[in-house]
N, C-alpha and C. Protein backbone atom coordinates (compact mmCIF):
# COMPACT_ATOMS: atom_id res chain seq x y z
N MET A 1 59.77 115.05 4.17
CA MET A 1 59.02 115.74 3.53
C MET A 1 57.80 115.51 3.59
N LYS A 2 56.63 115.90 3.80
CA LYS A 2 55.61 115.51 4.17
C LYS A 2 54.30 116.52 3.15
N ASN A 3 53.43 115.86 3.08
CA ASN A 3 52.17 116.49 2.45
C ASN A 3 51.32 117.19 3.34
N LYS A 4 50.36 117.80 2.48
CA LYS A 4 49.43 118.22 3.48
C LYS A 4 48.99 117.93 4.39
N LYS A 5 48.59 116.53 4.44
CA LYS A 5 48.17 115.76 5.55
C LYS A 5 49.14 114.84 6.48
N GLY A 6 50.61 115.56 5.97
CA GLY A 6 51.81 114.57 6.59
C GLY A 6 51.80 113.15 6.10
N ILE A 7 51.28 112.90 5.17
CA ILE A 7 51.27 111.44 4.64
C ILE A 7 52.81 111.31 3.38
N LYS A 8 53.49 110.64 3.24
CA LYS A 8 54.48 110.20 2.47
C LYS A 8 54.00 109.44 1.38
N ASP A 9 54.16 109.38 0.25
CA ASP A 9 53.72 108.00 -0.55
C ASP A 9 54.74 106.79 -0.30
N VAL A 10 54.80 105.65 -1.13
CA VAL A 10 55.72 104.38 -1.02
C VAL A 10 56.98 104.62 -1.35
N ASN A 11 57.25 106.04 -2.14
CA ASN A 11 58.53 106.36 -2.34
C ASN A 11 59.33 107.37 -1.94
N GLY A 12 58.44 107.58 -0.57
CA GLY A 12 58.97 108.41 0.20
C GLY A 12 58.40 110.34 -0.08
N HIS A 13 58.27 110.52 -1.55
CA HIS A 13 57.89 111.82 -2.24
C HIS A 13 56.48 111.98 -1.60
N SER A 14 56.19 113.19 -1.24
CA SER A 14 55.14 113.60 -0.88
C SER A 14 54.20 113.96 -1.81
N GLY A 15 53.05 114.13 -1.74
CA GLY A 15 52.00 114.59 -2.79
C GLY A 15 50.75 114.95 -2.14
N ALA A 16 49.59 115.73 -2.46
CA ALA A 16 48.63 116.46 -2.15
C ALA A 16 47.72 115.30 -1.92
N ASN A 17 47.34 114.10 -2.30
CA ASN A 17 46.57 113.02 -2.29
C ASN A 17 47.13 111.73 -1.84
N GLY A 18 48.45 111.67 -2.32
CA GLY A 18 49.14 110.27 -2.55
C GLY A 18 49.44 109.53 -1.21
N HIS A 19 48.88 108.47 -1.03
CA HIS A 19 49.59 107.43 0.21
C HIS A 19 49.46 105.90 -0.29
N ASN A 20 50.60 105.45 -0.02
CA ASN A 20 50.74 103.92 -0.16
C ASN A 20 50.27 103.50 -1.83
N GLY A 21 50.46 104.36 -2.52
CA GLY A 21 49.97 104.07 -3.97
C GLY A 21 48.43 104.28 -3.98
N GLN A 22 47.72 104.82 -3.77
CA GLN A 22 46.16 104.87 -3.30
C GLN A 22 46.07 106.53 -3.81
N ASN A 23 44.93 106.50 -4.66
CA ASN A 23 44.44 108.00 -4.33
C ASN A 23 43.77 108.67 -3.41
N GLY A 24 44.28 109.63 -3.03
CA GLY A 24 43.37 110.43 -2.05
C GLY A 24 41.78 110.34 -1.98
N LYS A 25 41.25 110.70 -0.96
CA LYS A 25 39.89 110.23 -0.92
C LYS A 25 38.80 111.29 -1.67
N ASN A 26 37.85 110.43 -2.03
CA ASN A 26 36.92 111.20 -2.99
C ASN A 26 37.23 111.64 -4.51
N GLY A 27 38.87 111.10 -4.98
CA GLY A 27 39.26 111.32 -6.00
C GLY A 27 39.64 112.90 -6.29
N LYS A 28 39.69 113.73 -5.09
CA LYS A 28 39.77 115.38 -5.17
C LYS A 28 41.06 115.01 -5.86
N ASN A 29 41.47 116.51 -6.37
CA ASN A 29 42.59 116.77 -7.27
C ASN A 29 43.77 117.25 -6.26
N GLY A 30 44.68 117.68 -6.70
CA GLY A 30 45.76 117.71 -5.98
C GLY A 30 45.73 119.56 -5.58
N LYS A 31 46.40 119.91 -4.78
CA LYS A 31 46.55 121.15 -3.93
C LYS A 31 46.52 122.16 -5.28
N ASN A 32 47.22 122.03 -6.28
CA ASN A 32 47.03 123.43 -7.00
C ASN A 32 45.92 123.15 -8.29
N GLY A 33 45.07 122.01 -8.24
CA GLY A 33 43.99 121.71 -9.05
C GLY A 33 44.30 120.79 -9.99
N TYR A 34 45.17 119.95 -10.00
CA TYR A 34 45.86 119.14 -11.08
C TYR A 34 45.71 117.91 -10.58
N SER A 35 45.20 117.00 -11.31
CA SER A 35 44.70 115.62 -10.61
C SER A 35 46.14 114.79 -10.54
N ASN A 36 45.87 114.03 -9.67
CA ASN A 36 46.83 112.94 -9.27
C ASN A 36 47.34 112.23 -10.68
N GLU A 37 48.54 111.86 -11.16
CA GLU A 37 48.45 111.06 -12.23
C GLU A 37 49.13 109.51 -11.60
N HIS A 38 48.71 108.36 -12.28
CA HIS A 38 49.05 106.97 -11.97
C HIS A 38 49.97 106.59 -13.03
N ASN A 39 51.50 106.31 -12.35
CA ASN A 39 52.54 105.39 -13.36
C ASN A 39 51.60 104.35 -13.92
N GLY A 40 51.21 103.63 -13.19
CA GLY A 40 50.93 102.31 -14.16
C GLY A 40 51.63 100.98 -13.48
N HIS A 41 52.88 101.30 -13.62
CA HIS A 41 54.00 100.13 -13.06
C HIS A 41 54.21 100.00 -11.69
N ASN A 42 54.30 101.02 -10.91
CA ASN A 42 54.63 100.72 -9.51
C ASN A 42 54.04 101.75 -8.28
N GLY A 43 52.56 101.97 -8.85
CA GLY A 43 51.45 102.91 -7.76
C GLY A 43 52.25 104.35 -7.43
N ILE A 44 53.32 104.78 -8.25
CA ILE A 44 53.42 106.05 -7.70
C ILE A 44 52.77 107.28 -8.23
N HIS A 45 52.10 108.07 -7.73
CA HIS A 45 51.34 109.07 -7.83
C HIS A 45 52.09 110.38 -7.35
N ALA A 46 52.10 111.48 -8.88
CA ALA A 46 52.65 112.57 -8.61
C ALA A 46 51.74 113.76 -8.17
N ALA A 47 52.07 114.75 -7.81
CA ALA A 47 51.14 115.81 -7.64
C ALA A 47 51.51 117.08 -8.05
N ASN A 48 50.78 117.70 -8.10
CA ASN A 48 51.14 119.29 -9.33
C ASN A 48 51.40 118.99 -10.54
N GLY A 49 51.11 117.68 -11.10
CA GLY A 49 50.99 117.82 -12.63
C GLY A 49 52.58 116.81 -13.27
N ALA A 50 53.30 116.79 -12.20
CA ALA A 50 54.63 116.32 -12.01
C ALA A 50 54.38 114.75 -12.26
N SER A 51 55.13 114.41 -13.42
CA SER A 51 55.17 112.98 -13.82
C SER A 51 55.87 112.04 -12.99
N ALA A 52 55.60 110.85 -12.64
CA ALA A 52 56.37 109.77 -11.67
C ALA A 52 57.65 109.52 -12.44
N LYS A 53 57.97 109.20 -13.84
CA LYS A 53 58.93 109.83 -14.55
C LYS A 53 59.80 110.57 -13.95
N ASP A 54 59.58 111.88 -13.52
CA ASP A 54 60.51 112.82 -13.33
C ASP A 54 60.94 112.71 -11.57
N LYS A 55 60.36 111.94 -11.22
CA LYS A 55 60.43 111.57 -9.68
C LYS A 55 61.31 110.71 -9.32
N ASN A 56 61.30 109.91 -10.65
CA ASN A 56 62.44 108.76 -10.28
C ASN A 56 63.71 108.95 -10.93
N LYS A 57 63.68 110.37 -11.76
CA LYS A 57 64.90 110.64 -12.58
C LYS A 57 65.96 110.48 -11.61
N ASP A 58 66.15 110.68 -10.44
CA ASP A 58 67.54 110.74 -9.70
C ASP A 58 67.22 109.76 -9.10
N TYR A 59 66.51 108.93 -8.92
CA TYR A 59 66.70 107.40 -8.29
C TYR A 59 67.80 106.80 -8.56
N ARG A 60 68.94 105.97 -7.65
CA ARG A 60 69.49 104.67 -8.34
C ARG A 60 69.58 103.98 -7.44
N PRO A 61 69.32 102.35 -7.78
CA PRO A 61 69.09 101.40 -6.79
C PRO A 61 70.39 100.96 -6.18
N THR A 62 70.21 100.46 -5.00
CA THR A 62 71.45 100.20 -4.42
C THR A 62 71.36 98.94 -3.46
N GLU A 63 72.46 98.45 -3.08
CA GLU A 63 72.54 96.97 -2.90
C GLU A 63 71.62 96.64 -1.18
N LYS A 64 71.22 98.06 -0.71
CA LYS A 64 70.99 97.85 1.02
C LYS A 64 69.37 97.64 0.77
N GLU A 65 68.69 97.80 -0.44
CA GLU A 65 67.15 97.55 -0.84
C GLU A 65 66.96 96.08 -0.91
N PRO A 66 65.64 95.64 -1.00
CA PRO A 66 65.76 94.36 -1.20
C PRO A 66 65.87 94.39 -2.80
N PHE A 67 66.25 93.05 -3.48
CA PHE A 67 66.93 92.99 -4.67
C PHE A 67 65.74 93.06 -5.52
N MET A 68 65.94 93.59 -6.52
CA MET A 68 64.59 93.50 -8.01
C MET A 68 63.14 93.84 -7.03
N ASN A 69 62.81 95.00 -6.11
CA ASN A 69 61.68 95.45 -5.51
C ASN A 69 61.22 96.05 -6.81
N GLU A 70 59.78 96.43 -6.57
CA GLU A 70 58.99 97.04 -7.60
C GLU A 70 59.52 98.46 -8.44
N ARG A 71 60.18 99.32 -7.31
CA ARG A 71 60.82 100.64 -7.81
C ARG A 71 62.24 99.71 -8.33
N GLN A 72 62.91 98.78 -8.19
CA GLN A 72 64.35 98.80 -9.11
C GLN A 72 63.77 98.26 -10.56
N LYS A 73 62.55 97.29 -10.51
CA LYS A 73 62.31 96.84 -11.86
C LYS A 73 61.63 98.11 -12.69
N GLU A 74 60.93 98.76 -12.11
CA GLU A 74 60.83 100.39 -12.66
C GLU A 74 61.57 101.43 -13.35
N TYR A 75 62.70 101.12 -12.67
CA TYR A 75 63.81 101.67 -12.90
C TYR A 75 64.42 101.51 -14.06
N PHE A 76 64.84 100.10 -14.10
CA PHE A 76 65.53 99.58 -15.16
C PHE A 76 64.44 99.29 -16.33
N ARG A 77 63.24 99.08 -16.45
CA ARG A 77 62.04 99.56 -17.28
C ARG A 77 62.56 100.60 -17.96
N GLN A 78 62.21 101.67 -17.30
CA GLN A 78 62.52 102.79 -18.18
C GLN A 78 63.97 103.07 -18.52
N LYS A 79 64.97 102.58 -18.03
CA LYS A 79 66.32 102.64 -18.49
C LYS A 79 66.29 102.09 -19.70
N LEU A 80 65.68 100.79 -20.02
CA LEU A 80 65.79 100.10 -20.99
C LEU A 80 64.60 100.46 -22.09
N ALA A 81 63.67 101.17 -21.82
CA ALA A 81 63.08 101.48 -23.11
C ALA A 81 63.70 103.13 -23.43
N ILE A 82 64.21 103.61 -22.59
CA ILE A 82 64.79 104.64 -22.96
C ILE A 82 65.93 104.54 -24.24
N TRP A 83 66.69 103.35 -23.76
CA TRP A 83 67.66 102.69 -24.60
C TRP A 83 67.64 102.52 -25.89
N ARG A 84 66.19 101.84 -25.68
CA ARG A 84 65.93 101.25 -27.03
C ARG A 84 65.02 102.39 -27.69
N GLU A 85 64.23 103.31 -27.18
CA GLU A 85 63.95 104.45 -28.19
C GLU A 85 65.22 105.21 -28.91
N ASP A 86 66.61 105.39 -27.98
CA ASP A 86 67.49 106.12 -28.70
C ASP A 86 68.19 105.14 -29.74
N ILE A 87 68.10 104.30 -29.63
CA ILE A 87 68.67 103.19 -30.60
C ILE A 87 67.96 103.21 -32.08
N LEU A 88 66.34 102.98 -31.70
CA LEU A 88 65.54 103.59 -33.07
C LEU A 88 65.71 105.04 -33.55
N LYS A 89 66.06 105.85 -32.67
CA LYS A 89 65.96 107.12 -33.37
C LYS A 89 67.14 107.39 -34.16
N GLU A 90 68.20 106.68 -33.69
CA GLU A 90 69.43 106.58 -34.32
C GLU A 90 69.42 105.62 -35.66
N ALA A 91 68.68 104.96 -35.59
CA ALA A 91 68.46 103.98 -36.79
C ALA A 91 67.97 105.06 -38.08
N LYS A 92 66.74 105.59 -37.44
CA LYS A 92 65.83 106.44 -38.05
C LYS A 92 66.95 107.51 -38.84
N ASP A 93 67.72 108.29 -37.84
CA ASP A 93 68.56 109.28 -38.41
C ASP A 93 69.38 108.56 -39.68
N THR A 94 69.73 107.41 -39.72
CA THR A 94 71.13 106.79 -40.23
C THR A 94 70.45 106.46 -41.77
N LEU A 95 69.01 105.96 -41.43
CA LEU A 95 68.19 105.84 -42.72
C LEU A 95 68.12 107.25 -43.98
N GLN A 96 67.50 108.33 -42.86
CA GLN A 96 67.39 109.22 -43.78
C GLN A 96 68.90 109.79 -44.00
N HIS A 97 69.75 109.60 -43.29
CA HIS A 97 71.27 110.06 -43.90
C HIS A 97 71.65 109.55 -45.02
N LEU A 98 71.30 107.92 -45.14
CA LEU A 98 71.91 107.16 -46.58
C LEU A 98 71.06 107.56 -47.37
N GLN A 99 69.62 107.97 -47.64
CA GLN A 99 68.88 108.16 -48.35
C GLN A 99 69.48 109.56 -49.09
N ASP A 100 69.75 110.53 -48.13
CA ASP A 100 70.21 111.82 -48.65
C ASP A 100 71.24 111.72 -49.27
N GLU A 101 72.15 111.08 -48.81
CA GLU A 101 73.45 110.90 -49.36
C GLU A 101 73.50 109.92 -50.65
N ASN A 102 72.64 109.72 -51.16
CA ASN A 102 72.45 108.69 -52.67
C ASN A 102 72.74 109.30 -53.77
N VAL A 103 74.04 110.07 -53.28
CA VAL A 103 74.92 110.67 -54.65
C VAL A 103 75.76 109.51 -55.30
N ASN A 104 75.69 110.09 -56.85
CA ASN A 104 76.67 109.23 -57.55
C ASN A 104 77.82 110.27 -57.34
N HIS A 105 79.26 109.67 -57.02
CA HIS A 105 80.29 110.48 -57.13
C HIS A 105 81.13 109.86 -58.42
N PRO A 106 81.54 111.21 -59.19
CA PRO A 106 82.24 110.97 -60.35
C PRO A 106 83.37 110.24 -60.04
N ASP A 107 84.31 110.54 -59.04
CA ASP A 107 85.53 110.33 -58.74
C ASP A 107 85.26 108.76 -57.85
N LEU A 108 86.12 107.76 -58.36
CA LEU A 108 86.25 106.33 -57.97
C LEU A 108 86.69 106.50 -56.71
N ALA A 109 87.62 107.17 -56.11
CA ALA A 109 87.99 107.20 -54.32
C ALA A 109 86.94 107.94 -53.93
N ASP A 110 86.34 108.93 -54.15
CA ASP A 110 85.23 109.00 -53.22
C ASP A 110 84.00 108.24 -53.32
N ARG A 111 83.62 107.35 -54.31
CA ARG A 111 82.59 106.33 -54.64
C ARG A 111 83.13 105.63 -53.66
N ALA A 112 84.29 104.73 -53.62
CA ALA A 112 84.63 103.45 -52.75
C ALA A 112 84.59 104.20 -51.52
N SER A 113 85.17 105.26 -50.69
CA SER A 113 85.03 105.74 -49.73
C SER A 113 83.73 106.34 -49.10
N SER A 114 82.77 106.42 -50.22
CA SER A 114 81.19 106.47 -49.50
C SER A 114 80.93 105.08 -49.25
N GLU A 115 81.15 104.20 -49.92
CA GLU A 115 80.64 102.93 -50.02
C GLU A 115 81.18 102.02 -48.83
N THR A 116 82.05 102.39 -48.57
CA THR A 116 82.91 101.83 -46.99
C THR A 116 82.10 102.59 -45.89
N ASP A 117 82.08 103.72 -45.96
CA ASP A 117 81.81 104.20 -44.78
C ASP A 117 79.87 103.85 -44.87
N ARG A 118 79.24 103.73 -45.63
CA ARG A 118 77.99 102.78 -45.88
C ARG A 118 77.75 101.71 -45.37
N ALA A 119 78.88 100.87 -45.74
CA ALA A 119 78.89 99.50 -45.13
C ALA A 119 79.17 99.55 -43.50
N ILE A 120 80.20 100.35 -43.47
CA ILE A 120 80.37 100.29 -41.48
C ILE A 120 79.16 101.01 -41.02
N GLU A 121 78.66 101.88 -41.37
CA GLU A 121 77.00 102.36 -40.97
C GLU A 121 76.22 101.14 -40.79
N LEU A 122 76.15 100.30 -41.95
CA LEU A 122 74.95 99.46 -41.92
C LEU A 122 75.46 98.29 -41.22
N ARG A 123 76.66 97.76 -41.10
CA ARG A 123 76.79 96.64 -40.02
C ARG A 123 76.68 97.07 -38.52
N ALA A 124 76.91 98.58 -38.15
CA ALA A 124 76.75 99.08 -36.69
C ALA A 124 75.05 99.05 -36.66
N ARG A 125 74.17 99.26 -37.57
CA ARG A 125 73.05 99.25 -37.53
C ARG A 125 72.53 97.77 -37.08
N ASP A 126 72.86 96.63 -37.84
CA ASP A 126 72.67 95.38 -37.55
C ASP A 126 72.84 95.11 -36.03
N ARG A 127 74.06 95.42 -35.59
CA ARG A 127 74.41 95.17 -34.34
C ARG A 127 73.43 95.92 -33.31
N GLN A 128 73.07 96.94 -33.59
CA GLN A 128 72.10 97.43 -32.85
C GLN A 128 70.72 96.85 -32.69
N ARG A 129 70.27 96.26 -34.15
CA ARG A 129 69.15 95.58 -34.45
C ARG A 129 68.83 94.43 -33.43
N LYS A 130 70.30 93.99 -33.37
CA LYS A 130 70.36 92.63 -32.40
C LYS A 130 70.33 93.01 -31.04
N LEU A 131 70.99 93.95 -30.63
CA LEU A 131 70.76 94.69 -29.11
C LEU A 131 69.10 95.46 -28.96
N ILE A 132 68.46 95.67 -29.61
CA ILE A 132 67.24 95.76 -29.63
C ILE A 132 66.37 94.58 -29.22
N ASN A 133 66.70 93.66 -29.75
CA ASN A 133 66.34 92.02 -29.73
C ASN A 133 66.53 91.89 -27.92
N LYS A 134 67.84 91.88 -27.70
CA LYS A 134 68.23 91.93 -26.46
C LYS A 134 67.49 92.76 -25.58
N ILE A 135 67.15 93.77 -25.47
CA ILE A 135 66.37 94.63 -24.84
C ILE A 135 65.40 94.51 -24.49
N ASP A 136 64.49 93.57 -25.64
CA ASP A 136 63.31 93.37 -25.72
C ASP A 136 63.25 92.23 -24.70
N ALA A 137 63.86 91.57 -24.84
CA ALA A 137 63.93 90.35 -24.21
C ALA A 137 64.14 90.45 -22.72
N ALA A 138 64.86 91.68 -22.17
CA ALA A 138 65.16 92.05 -20.67
C ALA A 138 63.75 92.58 -20.32
N LEU A 139 63.00 93.45 -21.13
CA LEU A 139 61.58 93.63 -20.74
C LEU A 139 60.97 92.98 -20.41
N HIS A 140 60.26 91.85 -21.38
CA HIS A 140 59.91 90.55 -20.87
C HIS A 140 60.02 90.07 -19.56
N ARG A 141 61.70 89.64 -19.43
CA ARG A 141 62.18 89.37 -18.12
C ARG A 141 61.66 89.82 -16.84
N ILE A 142 61.52 91.21 -17.12
CA ILE A 142 60.96 92.06 -16.08
C ILE A 142 59.60 91.68 -15.87
N ASP A 143 58.97 91.63 -17.00
CA ASP A 143 57.30 91.51 -16.64
C ASP A 143 57.10 89.91 -16.04
N ASP A 144 57.86 89.34 -16.41
CA ASP A 144 57.90 87.56 -15.99
C ASP A 144 58.20 87.47 -14.92
N GLY A 145 59.18 88.39 -14.16
CA GLY A 145 59.74 88.29 -12.67
C GLY A 145 61.07 87.68 -12.89
N THR A 146 61.71 87.42 -13.97
CA THR A 146 62.84 86.61 -13.80
C THR A 146 64.24 87.71 -14.24
N TYR A 147 63.91 89.03 -14.42
CA TYR A 147 65.06 89.83 -14.86
C TYR A 147 65.92 89.95 -13.60
N GLY A 148 67.03 90.34 -13.49
CA GLY A 148 68.24 90.31 -12.64
C GLY A 148 68.54 89.52 -11.66
N TYR A 149 68.32 87.94 -12.71
CA TYR A 149 68.70 86.77 -11.96
C TYR A 149 69.30 86.17 -12.97
N CYS A 150 70.13 85.44 -12.68
CA CYS A 150 71.33 84.70 -13.90
C CYS A 150 70.72 83.63 -14.09
N GLU A 151 70.70 83.52 -15.59
CA GLU A 151 70.25 82.16 -16.06
C GLU A 151 70.67 81.04 -15.99
N GLU A 152 71.91 81.05 -15.24
CA GLU A 152 73.05 79.85 -15.15
C GLU A 152 72.42 79.24 -14.05
N THR A 153 72.85 80.10 -12.90
CA THR A 153 72.74 79.81 -11.42
C THR A 153 71.31 80.35 -10.60
N GLY A 154 70.40 81.19 -11.06
CA GLY A 154 69.51 81.37 -10.35
C GLY A 154 69.73 82.74 -9.60
N GLU A 155 71.08 83.06 -9.36
CA GLU A 155 70.97 83.98 -8.30
C GLU A 155 71.25 85.45 -8.77
N PRO A 156 70.65 86.40 -7.52
CA PRO A 156 71.19 87.86 -8.10
C PRO A 156 71.95 88.17 -9.21
N ILE A 157 71.99 88.64 -10.13
CA ILE A 157 73.35 89.39 -11.08
C ILE A 157 73.97 90.47 -10.04
N GLY A 158 73.42 91.17 -9.49
CA GLY A 158 73.91 92.46 -9.05
C GLY A 158 73.55 93.83 -9.54
N ILE A 159 73.33 94.71 -8.85
CA ILE A 159 72.70 96.09 -9.37
C ILE A 159 73.76 96.73 -9.98
N LYS A 160 75.25 96.68 -9.89
CA LYS A 160 76.15 97.12 -10.22
C LYS A 160 76.44 96.51 -11.64
N ARG A 161 76.17 95.27 -11.80
CA ARG A 161 76.47 94.77 -13.25
C ARG A 161 75.22 95.08 -14.04
N LEU A 162 74.14 95.46 -13.55
CA LEU A 162 72.77 95.55 -14.29
C LEU A 162 73.06 97.16 -14.67
N GLU A 163 73.59 97.92 -13.78
CA GLU A 163 73.66 99.33 -14.13
C GLU A 163 74.70 99.33 -15.50
N ALA A 164 75.69 98.53 -15.21
CA ALA A 164 76.73 98.93 -16.60
C ALA A 164 76.19 97.93 -17.92
N ARG A 165 74.96 97.08 -17.47
CA ARG A 165 74.88 96.35 -18.65
C ARG A 165 73.26 95.65 -18.47
N PRO A 166 72.66 96.66 -18.45
CA PRO A 166 70.81 96.42 -18.12
C PRO A 166 70.33 95.17 -18.82
N ILE A 167 71.00 94.76 -20.21
CA ILE A 167 70.59 93.64 -20.50
C ILE A 167 71.41 92.22 -20.33
N ALA A 168 72.15 92.19 -19.35
CA ALA A 168 73.02 91.17 -18.88
C ALA A 168 71.85 89.90 -17.97
N THR A 169 72.47 88.65 -18.33
CA THR A 169 71.88 87.73 -18.26
C THR A 169 72.54 86.46 -17.19
N LEU A 170 73.83 86.84 -16.91
CA LEU A 170 74.73 86.10 -16.54
C LEU A 170 75.15 87.01 -15.49
N SER A 171 75.00 86.01 -14.43
CA SER A 171 76.25 86.74 -13.06
C SER A 171 77.88 86.80 -13.62
N VAL A 172 78.67 87.72 -13.14
CA VAL A 172 79.84 88.34 -13.44
C VAL A 172 80.80 86.49 -13.29
N GLU A 173 80.38 86.32 -12.36
CA GLU A 173 81.30 84.84 -12.17
C GLU A 173 80.70 83.64 -13.51
N ALA A 174 79.50 83.69 -13.74
CA ALA A 174 79.05 82.67 -14.81
C ALA A 174 79.44 83.22 -16.15
N GLN A 175 79.50 84.63 -16.18
CA GLN A 175 80.05 85.05 -17.68
C GLN A 175 81.43 85.16 -17.64
N GLU A 176 82.04 84.69 -16.32
CA GLU A 176 83.60 84.77 -16.53
C GLU A 176 83.96 83.23 -17.03
N ARG A 177 82.93 81.98 -16.40
CA ARG A 177 83.05 80.76 -16.69
C ARG A 177 82.69 80.46 -18.17
N HIS A 178 81.71 81.12 -18.74
CA HIS A 178 81.47 81.05 -20.00
C HIS A 178 82.47 81.49 -20.82
N GLU A 179 83.24 82.55 -20.78
CA GLU A 179 83.98 83.28 -21.56
C GLU A 179 85.23 82.38 -21.34
N ARG A 180 85.61 81.48 -20.40
CA ARG A 180 86.90 80.75 -20.18
C ARG A 180 86.40 79.31 -21.30
N ARG A 181 85.36 79.09 -21.09
CA ARG A 181 84.66 77.69 -22.02
C ARG A 181 84.97 78.35 -23.49
N GLU A 182 84.69 79.40 -23.67
CA GLU A 182 84.60 80.11 -25.18
C GLU A 182 85.83 79.81 -25.55
N ARG A 183 86.83 80.30 -24.71
CA ARG A 183 88.32 80.28 -24.91
C ARG A 183 89.02 79.22 -25.54
N ILE A 184 88.79 77.96 -24.60
CA ILE A 184 89.06 76.78 -24.69
C ILE A 184 88.61 76.01 -25.87
N TYR A 185 87.48 76.40 -25.98
CA TYR A 185 86.99 75.60 -27.39
C TYR A 185 87.08 76.37 -28.40
N ARG A 186 87.74 77.49 -28.32
CA ARG A 186 88.03 78.27 -29.72
C ARG A 186 89.72 78.08 -29.81
N ASP A 187 90.23 77.77 -29.40
CA ASP A 187 91.80 77.39 -28.91
C ASP A 187 92.07 76.20 -29.68
N ASP A 188 90.81 75.37 -29.72
CA ASP A 188 91.37 73.87 -30.41
C ASP A 188 91.31 73.88 -31.92
């Protein structure tokens, strides 16, 4: 696909003025009168008012690309941010639910059941609070350039593992070694 001038942007998307992460000359608006938007992270410009996030929605990193290039970093940054937002929304919903359900049940069995449900819900939220800390740490690693590399060996973790577990800090092999050591010491 080519734009009006036959030029593709850095990610192969055409735009009215986008070229290699730069605005069109003289800062003119896109062909429909909308100004190009700048993503801020990966230099993607969107034409016709569509955001860069919408254009990257269908993107999936592959092993064929250079590992942890700017496009992959932005992909994982967005994936982690969306995951974080979802967890925070769930936590807010849970808090609202717990406040709304602050009913004193006359029946002891109902009260016990309600307290058990509440304890389970609070435990789940505590696990998610810890998960948010790991997501924040992963976002920090993206910013400092260490995201996607094993903390133990320094080798790439791999796209498939990061897709499955975006907060991973160890490669599959290093994780297996870690779990084996954990099992050995736990059995003692």
